[in-house]
Protein backbone atom coordinates (compact mmCIF):
# COMPACT_ATOMS: atom_id res chain seq x y z
CA MET A 1 181.58 49.69 -9.86
CA GLU A 2 181.45 52.12 -7.03
CA ASN A 3 185.81 51.74 -6.20
CA GLY A 4 186.29 50.79 -9.79
CA ILE A 5 187.62 47.41 -8.93
CA GLY A 6 186.29 44.10 -9.60
CA ILE A 7 187.14 40.94 -7.82
CA GLY A 8 186.84 37.60 -9.04
CA PHE A 9 186.55 34.71 -6.21
CA VAL A 10 187.13 31.46 -6.35
CA GLY A 11 185.47 28.90 -4.11
CA LEU A 12 183.18 28.89 -1.29
CA GLY A 13 184.53 26.01 0.95
CA ASN A 14 185.08 26.12 4.55
CA MET A 15 186.00 29.70 4.74
CA GLY A 16 185.29 31.15 1.48
CA ASN A 17 181.55 32.25 2.20
CA ARG A 18 182.74 34.42 5.15
CA MET A 19 185.73 35.81 2.96
CA ALA A 20 183.51 36.81 0.09
CA GLY A 21 180.80 38.15 2.18
CA CYS A 22 183.48 40.70 3.74
CA ILE A 23 184.68 41.37 0.33
CA HIS A 24 181.33 42.22 -0.84
CA GLN A 25 180.29 44.09 1.91
CA SER A 26 183.36 46.37 1.65
CA GLY A 27 181.52 47.62 -1.47
CA TYR A 28 183.74 45.65 -4.06
CA ASP A 29 182.06 43.83 -7.05
CA LEU A 30 182.38 40.56 -6.50
CA THR A 31 182.08 37.48 -8.98
CA ILE A 32 182.06 33.94 -7.44
CA HIS A 33 183.36 30.69 -9.50
CA ASP A 34 182.88 27.72 -7.80
CA ILE A 35 183.60 23.95 -8.75
CA LEU A 36 180.71 22.63 -6.62
CA PRO A 37 177.41 25.00 -7.60
CA SER A 38 175.63 23.12 -4.80
CA PHE A 39 177.43 25.37 -2.32
CA MET A 40 175.96 28.40 -4.19
CA PRO A 41 172.21 28.45 -2.38
CA GLY A 42 173.90 28.33 0.89
CA ALA A 43 176.36 31.31 0.48
CA LEU A 44 173.73 33.51 -1.35
CA ARG A 45 170.32 34.65 -0.28
CA ASP A 46 167.86 36.53 -2.32
CA THR A 47 169.77 36.67 -5.47
CA HIS A 48 168.58 37.07 -8.90
CA PRO A 49 170.58 36.22 -12.44
CA GLY A 50 172.35 40.11 -12.90
CA SER A 51 171.71 41.28 -9.37
CA ALA A 52 174.34 41.76 -6.61
CA PRO A 53 174.66 38.40 -4.36
CA GLY A 54 173.32 39.34 -0.84
CA PHE A 55 175.45 37.46 1.34
CA ARG A 56 174.35 35.99 5.02
């Protein structure tokens, strides 16, 4: 954790994907919890368990 802060993010919905991407690109460790796992493949790219998510 580079900056000492971890962020839990709930939902990727309409704006969540972009907001989560901005938080991640700012250098924060990000954990996403979404009630609809089907959103995850659209939001995460080249992601493997235990790795940092790559947001579009």
